[in-house]
């Protein structure tokens, strides 16, 4: 349930902050997966390499979509501030 003390704009800003944190966590996970991919190449070289690359690509797509949501929320907040 929404906090009655906060305005709609404040809720949008809170959502943007949470989304930004999520993007940062996804980027860190991608860096870890790149290191995992490097380890697979150096140590294993098998189907795991392709799987790690596929997962990393999927995460990059998701991060891009989440970043787009973050940008749209920023535009909405800016537009509403102007009213």
C-alpha atoms as a PDB file:
ATOM      1  CA  UNK A   1       0.000   0.000   0.000  1.00  0.00           C
ATOM      2  CA  UNK A   2       1.262   3.468  -0.872  1.00  0.00           C
ATOM      3  CA  UNK A   3       2.615   5.650   1.913  1.00  0.00           C
ATOM      4  CA  UNK A   4       0.104   8.512   2.242  1.00  0.00           C
ATOM      5  CA  UNK A   5       2.923  10.841   3.332  1.00  0.00           C
ATOM      6  CA  UNK A   6       4.714  10.628  -0.022  1.00  0.00           C
ATOM      7  CA  UNK A   7       3.682  12.361  -3.214  1.00  0.00           C
ATOM      8  CA  UNK A   8       3.421  10.583  -6.538  1.00  0.00           C
ATOM      9  CA  UNK A   9       6.652  12.287  -7.602  1.00  0.00           C
ATOM     10  CA  UNK A  10       8.444  10.980  -4.512  1.00  0.00           C
ATOM     11  CA  UNK A  11       7.226   7.460  -5.247  1.00  0.00           C
ATOM     12  CA  UNK A  12       8.552   7.775  -8.812  1.00  0.00           C
ATOM     13  CA  UNK A  13      11.930   8.924  -7.517  1.00  0.00           C
ATOM     14  CA  UNK A  14      12.032   6.007  -5.066  1.00  0.00           C
ATOM     15  CA  UNK A  15      11.238   3.603  -7.895  1.00  0.00           C
ATOM     16  CA  UNK A  16      13.988   5.144 -10.051  1.00  0.00           C
ATOM     17  CA  UNK A  17      16.519   4.680  -7.246  1.00  0.00           C
ATOM     18  CA  UNK A  18      15.536   1.039  -6.777  1.00  0.00           C
ATOM     19  CA  UNK A  19      15.717   0.425 -10.528  1.00  0.00           C
ATOM     20  CA  UNK A  20      19.141   2.101 -10.698  1.00  0.00           C
ATOM     21  CA  UNK A  21      20.368  -0.197  -7.914  1.00  0.00           C
ATOM     22  CA  UNK A  22      19.027  -3.183  -9.863  1.00  0.00           C
ATOM     23  CA  UNK A  23      20.928  -2.090 -12.980  1.00  0.00           C
ATOM     24  CA  UNK A  24      24.132  -1.786 -10.958  1.00  0.00           C
ATOM     25  CA  UNK A  25      23.649  -5.288  -9.529  1.00  0.00           C
ATOM     26  CA  UNK A  26      22.997  -6.722 -12.998  1.00  0.00           C
ATOM     27  CA  UNK A  27      26.154  -5.079 -14.316  1.00  0.00           C
ATOM     28  CA  UNK A  28      28.166  -6.577 -11.461  1.00  0.00           C
ATOM     29  CA  UNK A  29      26.641  -9.991 -12.184  1.00  0.00           C
ATOM     30  CA  UNK A  30      27.630  -9.594 -15.840  1.00  0.00           C
ATOM     31  CA  UNK A  31      31.228  -8.868 -14.842  1.00  0.00           C
ATOM     32  CA  UNK A  32      31.248 -12.012 -12.695  1.00  0.00           C
ATOM     33  CA  UNK A  33      29.800 -14.021 -15.583  1.00  0.00           C
ATOM     34  CA  UNK A  34      32.471 -12.682 -17.942  1.00  0.00           C
ATOM     35  CA  UNK A  35      35.089 -13.932 -15.481  1.00  0.00           C
ATOM     36  CA  UNK A  36      33.267 -17.278 -15.330  1.00  0.00           C
ATOM     37  CA  UNK A  37      33.346 -17.406 -19.128  1.00  0.00           C
ATOM     38  CA  UNK A  38      37.068 -16.706 -19.104  1.00  0.00           C
ATOM     39  CA  UNK A  39      37.563 -19.543 -16.623  1.00  0.00           C
ATOM     40  CA  UNK A  40      35.535 -21.922 -18.779  1.00  0.00           C
ATOM     41  CA  UNK A  41      37.633 -21.029 -21.801  1.00  0.00           C
ATOM     42  CA  UNK A  42      40.876 -21.481 -19.887  1.00  0.00           C
ATOM     43  CA  UNK A  43      39.903 -24.583 -17.912  1.00  0.00           C
ATOM     44  CA  UNK A  44      37.025 -26.439 -19.498  1.00  0.00           C
ATOM     45  CA  UNK A  45      36.155 -25.302 -23.015  1.00  0.00           C
ATOM     46  CA  UNK A  46      32.906 -26.996 -23.660  1.00  0.00           C
ATOM     47  CA  UNK A  47      29.191 -26.402 -23.687  1.00  0.00           C
ATOM     48  CA  UNK A  48      29.541 -24.320 -20.538  1.00  0.00           C
ATOM     49  CA  UNK A  49      31.212 -21.531 -22.496  1.00  0.00           C
ATOM     50  CA  UNK A  50      28.238 -21.178 -24.840  1.00  0.00           C
ATOM     51  CA  UNK A  51      25.826 -21.300 -21.898  1.00  0.00           C
ATOM     52  CA  UNK A  52      27.711 -18.585 -20.023  1.00  0.00           C
ATOM     53  CA  UNK A  53      27.743 -16.410 -23.150  1.00  0.00           C
ATOM     54  CA  UNK A  54      24.013 -16.960 -23.718  1.00  0.00           C
ATOM     55  CA  UNK A  55      23.191 -16.077 -20.121  1.00  0.00           C
ATOM     56  CA  UNK A  56      25.384 -12.980 -20.286  1.00  0.00           C
ATOM     57  CA  UNK A  57      23.676 -11.839 -23.500  1.00  0.00           C
ATOM     58  CA  UNK A  58      20.269 -12.326 -21.899  1.00  0.00           C
ATOM     59  CA  UNK A  59      21.358 -10.311 -18.878  1.00  0.00           C
ATOM     60  CA  UNK A  60      22.617  -7.526 -21.140  1.00  0.00           C
ATOM     61  CA  UNK A  61      19.229  -7.387 -22.859  1.00  0.00           C
ATOM     62  CA  UNK A  62      17.429  -7.290 -19.512  1.00  0.00           C
ATOM     63  CA  UNK A  63      19.756  -4.574 -18.220  1.00  0.00           C
ATOM     64  CA  UNK A  64      19.009  -2.552 -21.358  1.00  0.00           C
ATOM     65  CA  UNK A  65      15.274  -2.904 -20.828  1.00  0.00           C
ATOM     66  CA  UNK A  66      15.546  -1.964 -17.155  1.00  0.00           C
ATOM     67  CA  UNK A  67      17.677   1.048 -18.080  1.00  0.00           C
ATOM     68  CA  UNK A  68      14.973   2.101 -20.552  1.00  0.00           C
ATOM     69  CA  UNK A  69      12.401   1.901 -17.741  1.00  0.00           C
ATOM     70  CA  UNK A  70      14.673   4.038 -15.561  1.00  0.00           C
ATOM     71  CA  UNK A  71      14.930   6.640 -18.329  1.00  0.00           C
ATOM     72  CA  UNK A  72      11.162   6.660 -18.914  1.00  0.00           C
ATOM     73  CA  UNK A  73      10.509   7.176 -15.203  1.00  0.00           C
ATOM     74  CA  UNK A  74      12.944  10.092 -15.282  1.00  0.00           C
ATOM     75  CA  UNK A  75      11.105  11.643 -18.217  1.00  0.00           C
ATOM     76  CA  UNK A  76       7.771  11.171 -16.466  1.00  0.00           C
ATOM     77  CA  UNK A  77       9.064  12.727 -13.253  1.00  0.00           C
ATOM     78  CA  UNK A  78      10.550  15.666 -15.166  1.00  0.00           C
ATOM     79  CA  UNK A  79       7.323  16.214 -17.108  1.00  0.00           C
ATOM     80  CA  UNK A  80       5.214  16.053 -13.954  1.00  0.00           C
ATOM     81  CA  UNK A  81       7.544  18.451 -12.138  1.00  0.00           C
ATOM     82  CA  UNK A  82       6.890  21.000 -14.883  1.00  0.00           C
ATOM     83  CA  UNK A  83       3.127  20.918 -14.224  1.00  0.00           C
END
